[in-house]
């Protein structure tokens, strides 16, 4: 547990350019406080200590604005940017070196029992306000755009945007950078509409050319 906490602390400086000092992070970073509380609560949960893990989680939610169920499994190098409004459900599983932005929900889709929350692979980035719902699997090195709603599993090395989330393969299958430029995430719907508009303009041009050629052809004399 202490190795993971050390790594959680270290990644703050790697992924947040505003982090300028160790004392500042220790005292003021709600995202780090939330994962620190969770490490303790999860340890007690695994030992089947009654009530206390949920009390720690409730205290963490009150202090940080981040709600993480004590049973959720979270790997090392976990980073929550700003953190307010983040919700991580009971059966969520999160790999190593994962980044969540504010307002992210890893939630369920109903009242079913058993596995009902998502599993995130390693090096996943989930943009601000995104919702990942249900017992789905998000592959390694996946990027989920801001405010996307993901309801289906996503293969590794892909980008997901939109409502519902649509998958865009990363160029060449290369691993994305750990942080995202939200303003430049592609919009598959807009791209499809632009492609259709180009096709219509091309057909219109070809039709006009064909009609023009027909008008310039010599007319046969009537008998």
Protein backbone atom coordinates (compact mmCIF):
# COMPACT_ATOMS: atom_id res chain seq x y z
CA UNK A 1 0.00 0.00 0.00
CA UNK A 2 2.76 2.46 0.90
CA UNK A 3 4.50 1.87 -2.45
CA UNK A 4 1.28 2.76 -4.25
CA UNK A 5 0.78 5.89 -2.13
CA UNK A 6 4.33 6.97 -2.94
CA UNK A 7 3.65 6.52 -6.65
CA UNK A 8 0.29 8.34 -6.37
CA UNK A 9 2.13 11.28 -4.84
CA UNK A 10 4.85 11.25 -7.49
CA UNK A 11 2.47 11.32 -10.47
CA UNK A 12 0.92 14.58 -9.29
CA UNK A 13 4.14 16.35 -10.28
CA UNK A 14 4.36 14.41 -13.55
CA UNK A 15 0.84 15.24 -14.74
CA UNK A 16 -0.06 18.59 -13.17
CA UNK A 17 2.13 21.55 -14.19
CA UNK A 18 0.54 23.59 -11.37
CA UNK A 19 2.08 21.33 -8.71
CA UNK A 20 5.08 23.28 -7.43
CA UNK A 21 5.90 21.84 -4.02
CA UNK A 22 5.52 18.72 -1.93
CA UNK A 23 3.93 20.52 1.01
CA UNK A 24 1.42 22.21 -1.30
CA UNK A 25 0.33 18.85 -2.73
CA UNK A 26 0.14 17.21 0.68
CA UNK A 27 -2.03 19.97 2.11
CA UNK A 28 -4.19 21.17 -0.78
CA UNK A 29 -4.64 18.51 -3.50
CA UNK A 30 -8.09 16.97 -3.10
CA UNK A 31 -7.40 14.29 -5.71
CA UNK A 32 -4.39 13.02 -3.78
CA UNK A 33 -6.31 13.21 -0.50
CA UNK A 34 -9.13 11.14 -2.03
CA UNK A 35 -6.85 8.31 -3.17
CA UNK A 36 -5.01 8.42 0.17
CA UNK A 37 -8.29 7.93 2.04
CA UNK A 38 -9.25 5.17 -0.38
CA UNK A 39 -6.01 3.24 0.11
CA UNK A 40 -6.74 3.10 3.84
CA UNK A 41 -10.45 2.30 3.40
CA UNK A 42 -9.72 -0.42 0.83
CA UNK A 43 -7.16 -2.05 3.13
CA UNK A 44 -9.73 -2.22 5.90
CA UNK A 45 -12.36 -3.49 3.45
CA UNK A 46 -10.09 -6.37 2.44
CA UNK A 47 -9.69 -7.24 6.11
CA UNK A 48 -13.49 -7.29 6.42
CA UNK A 49 -13.53 -4.57 9.05
CA UNK A 50 -17.21 -3.53 9.46
CA UNK A 51 -18.53 0.02 9.01
CA UNK A 52 -15.15 1.80 9.22
CA UNK A 53 -14.30 1.61 5.47
CA UNK A 54 -17.62 3.21 4.54
CA UNK A 55 -17.16 5.90 7.19
CA UNK A 56 -13.72 6.74 5.79
CA UNK A 57 -15.15 6.88 2.27
CA UNK A 58 -17.96 9.17 3.45
CA UNK A 59 -15.46 11.45 5.18
CA UNK A 60 -13.34 11.56 2.03
CA UNK A 61 -16.38 12.51 -0.06
CA UNK A 62 -17.25 15.30 2.37
CA UNK A 63 -13.70 16.66 2.40
CA UNK A 64 -12.72 16.21 -1.25
CA UNK A 65 -15.88 15.95 -3.35
CA UNK A 66 -14.67 12.57 -4.62
CA UNK A 67 -16.72 9.44 -3.92
CA UNK A 68 -14.86 6.13 -4.14
CA UNK A 69 -16.42 2.95 -2.82
CA UNK A 70 -13.99 1.12 -0.49
CA UNK A 71 -14.31 -2.09 -2.54
CA UNK A 72 -13.09 -0.45 -5.77
CA UNK A 73 -9.70 -1.77 -6.92
CA UNK A 74 -7.27 0.92 -8.02
CA UNK A 75 -3.73 0.35 -9.30
CA UNK A 76 -0.66 2.49 -8.70
CA UNK A 77 0.02 5.85 -10.28
CA UNK A 78 -3.62 6.94 -10.03
CA UNK A 79 -4.24 10.65 -10.59
CA UNK A 80 -7.45 12.69 -10.26
CA UNK A 81 -7.11 16.17 -11.74
CA UNK A 82 -9.07 18.65 -9.55
CA UNK A 83 -11.40 15.80 -8.58
CA UNK A 84 -14.68 17.47 -7.68
CA UNK A 85 -17.63 15.28 -8.66
CA UNK A 86 -15.68 12.10 -9.43
CA UNK A 87 -17.62 8.91 -8.58
CA UNK A 88 -16.11 5.40 -8.64
CA UNK A 89 -18.49 2.51 -8.01
CA UNK A 90 -18.11 -0.58 -5.88
CA UNK A 91 -17.02 -3.13 -8.50
CA UNK A 92 -14.86 -0.74 -10.52
CA UNK A 93 -11.36 -1.95 -11.36
CA UNK A 94 -8.68 0.54 -12.40
CA UNK A 95 -5.24 -0.36 -13.74
CA UNK A 96 -1.91 1.42 -13.32
CA UNK A 97 -1.09 4.99 -14.40
CA UNK A 98 -4.72 6.03 -14.95
CA UNK A 99 -5.85 9.67 -15.04
CA UNK A 100 -9.39 10.92 -14.36
CA UNK A 101 -10.48 14.52 -14.76
CA UNK A 102 -13.18 16.25 -12.74
CA UNK A 103 -16.76 15.04 -12.96
CA UNK A 104 -15.94 11.53 -14.18
CA UNK A 105 -18.31 8.71 -13.24
CA UNK A 106 -17.42 5.02 -13.29
CA UNK A 107 -20.92 3.77 -12.59
CA UNK A 108 -23.46 1.01 -13.07
CA UNK A 109 -26.50 0.86 -15.32
CA UNK A 110 -29.04 -0.70 -12.96
CA UNK A 111 -29.65 -2.47 -9.68
CA UNK A 112 -28.13 -5.80 -10.71
CA UNK A 113 -25.73 -7.49 -8.29
CA UNK A 114 -22.23 -8.75 -8.96
CA UNK A 115 -19.88 -7.04 -11.40
CA UNK A 116 -21.73 -3.95 -12.60
CA UNK A 117 -19.06 -1.25 -12.93
CA UNK A 118 -16.34 -0.76 -15.54
CA UNK A 119 -12.82 -2.14 -15.68
CA UNK A 120 -10.15 0.29 -16.88
CA UNK A 121 -6.82 -0.95 -18.20
CA UNK A 122 -3.41 0.68 -17.78
CA UNK A 123 -2.57 4.21 -18.98
CA UNK A 124 -6.21 5.17 -19.52
CA UNK A 125 -7.23 8.84 -19.59
CA UNK A 126 -10.87 9.84 -18.96
CA UNK A 127 -11.80 13.42 -19.80
CA UNK A 128 -13.80 15.87 -17.71
CA UNK A 129 -17.45 14.96 -17.19
CA UNK A 130 -17.23 11.62 -18.99
CA UNK A 131 -19.44 8.72 -17.87
CA UNK A 132 -18.29 5.12 -18.20
CA UNK A 133 -21.21 2.89 -17.30
CA UNK A 134 -21.76 -0.81 -16.83
CA UNK A 135 -19.59 -3.91 -16.57
CA UNK A 136 -17.55 -3.01 -19.64
CA UNK A 137 -13.81 -3.16 -20.25
CA UNK A 138 -11.73 -0.19 -21.34
CA UNK A 139 -8.46 -1.37 -22.89
CA UNK A 140 -4.94 -0.14 -22.21
CA UNK A 141 -3.90 3.30 -23.52
CA UNK A 142 -7.48 4.40 -24.24
CA UNK A 143 -8.48 8.08 -24.26
CA UNK A 144 -12.08 9.04 -23.46
CA UNK A 145 -13.08 12.55 -24.47
CA UNK A 146 -14.72 15.10 -22.21
CA UNK A 147 -18.46 14.57 -21.57
CA UNK A 148 -18.53 11.29 -23.50
CA UNK A 149 -20.91 8.53 -22.36
CA UNK A 150 -19.32 5.11 -22.84
CA UNK A 151 -21.67 2.12 -22.69
CA UNK A 152 -19.67 -0.51 -24.59
CA UNK A 153 -16.22 -2.03 -24.18
CA UNK A 154 -13.34 -0.25 -25.91
CA UNK A 155 -10.29 -1.98 -27.43
CA UNK A 156 -6.74 -0.85 -26.55
CA UNK A 157 -5.17 2.19 -28.23
CA UNK A 158 -8.45 3.86 -29.16
CA UNK A 159 -10.07 7.23 -28.59
CA UNK A 160 -13.76 7.49 -27.64
CA UNK A 161 -15.88 10.61 -28.08
CA UNK A 162 -19.55 11.53 -28.15
CA UNK A 163 -22.91 10.45 -26.68
CA UNK A 164 -23.08 7.54 -26.87
CA UNK A 165 -19.34 7.08 -27.14
CA UNK A 166 -17.99 6.26 -30.58
CA UNK A 167 -14.62 4.60 -31.05
CA UNK A 168 -11.87 6.20 -33.10
CA UNK A 169 -8.73 4.14 -33.58
CA UNK A 170 -5.50 5.88 -32.62
CA UNK A 171 -3.24 6.44 -35.64
CA UNK A 172 -0.84 3.55 -36.03
CA UNK A 173 -1.99 2.04 -32.76
CA UNK A 174 0.41 4.27 -30.87
CA UNK A 175 0.00 4.92 -27.16
CA UNK A 176 -1.44 8.40 -26.51
CA UNK A 177 0.14 10.95 -24.26
CA UNK A 178 -1.05 10.72 -20.66
CA UNK A 179 -2.76 14.13 -20.82
CA UNK A 180 -5.34 15.20 -23.37
CA UNK A 181 -5.90 18.29 -25.47
CA UNK A 182 -9.68 18.33 -25.09
CA UNK A 183 -10.10 21.09 -27.67
CA UNK A 184 -8.59 18.97 -30.45
CA UNK A 185 -10.35 15.64 -29.89
CA UNK A 186 -11.93 14.55 -33.21
CA UNK A 187 -15.70 14.55 -33.69
CA UNK A 188 -16.72 11.48 -35.73
CA UNK A 189 -20.23 12.78 -36.43
CA UNK A 190 -18.94 16.09 -37.79
CA UNK A 191 -16.36 14.24 -39.87
CA UNK A 192 -19.07 11.96 -41.33
CA UNK A 193 -21.28 14.96 -42.20
CA UNK A 194 -18.35 16.75 -43.83
CA UNK A 195 -17.56 13.64 -45.90
CA UNK A 196 -21.20 13.42 -47.04
CA UNK A 197 -21.21 17.12 -47.94
CA UNK A 198 -18.06 16.69 -50.04
CA UNK A 199 -19.66 13.70 -51.81
CA UNK A 200 -22.83 15.69 -52.57
CA UNK A 201 -20.82 18.62 -53.97
CA UNK A 202 -18.80 16.23 -56.13
CA UNK A 203 -21.96 14.56 -57.48
CA UNK A 204 -23.51 17.98 -58.16
CA UNK A 205 -20.44 19.08 -60.08
CA UNK A 206 -20.39 15.90 -62.16
CA UNK A 207 -24.12 16.22 -62.90
CA UNK A 208 -23.70 19.83 -64.01
CA UNK A 209 -20.81 18.83 -66.27
CA UNK A 210 -22.83 15.99 -67.80
CA UNK A 211 -25.84 18.28 -68.43
CA UNK A 212 -23.56 20.94 -69.92
CA UNK A 213 -22.06 18.47 -72.36
CA UNK A 214 -25.55 17.37 -73.37
CA UNK A 215 -26.58 20.93 -74.16
CA UNK A 216 -23.53 21.50 -76.37
CA UNK A 217 -24.02 18.34 -78.48
CA UNK A 218 -25.37 19.04 -82.03
CA UNK A 219 -29.06 18.32 -82.40
CA UNK A 220 -30.20 15.90 -85.17
CA UNK A 221 -32.40 17.38 -87.90
CA UNK A 222 -35.98 16.31 -87.71
CA UNK A 223 -37.29 14.38 -90.77
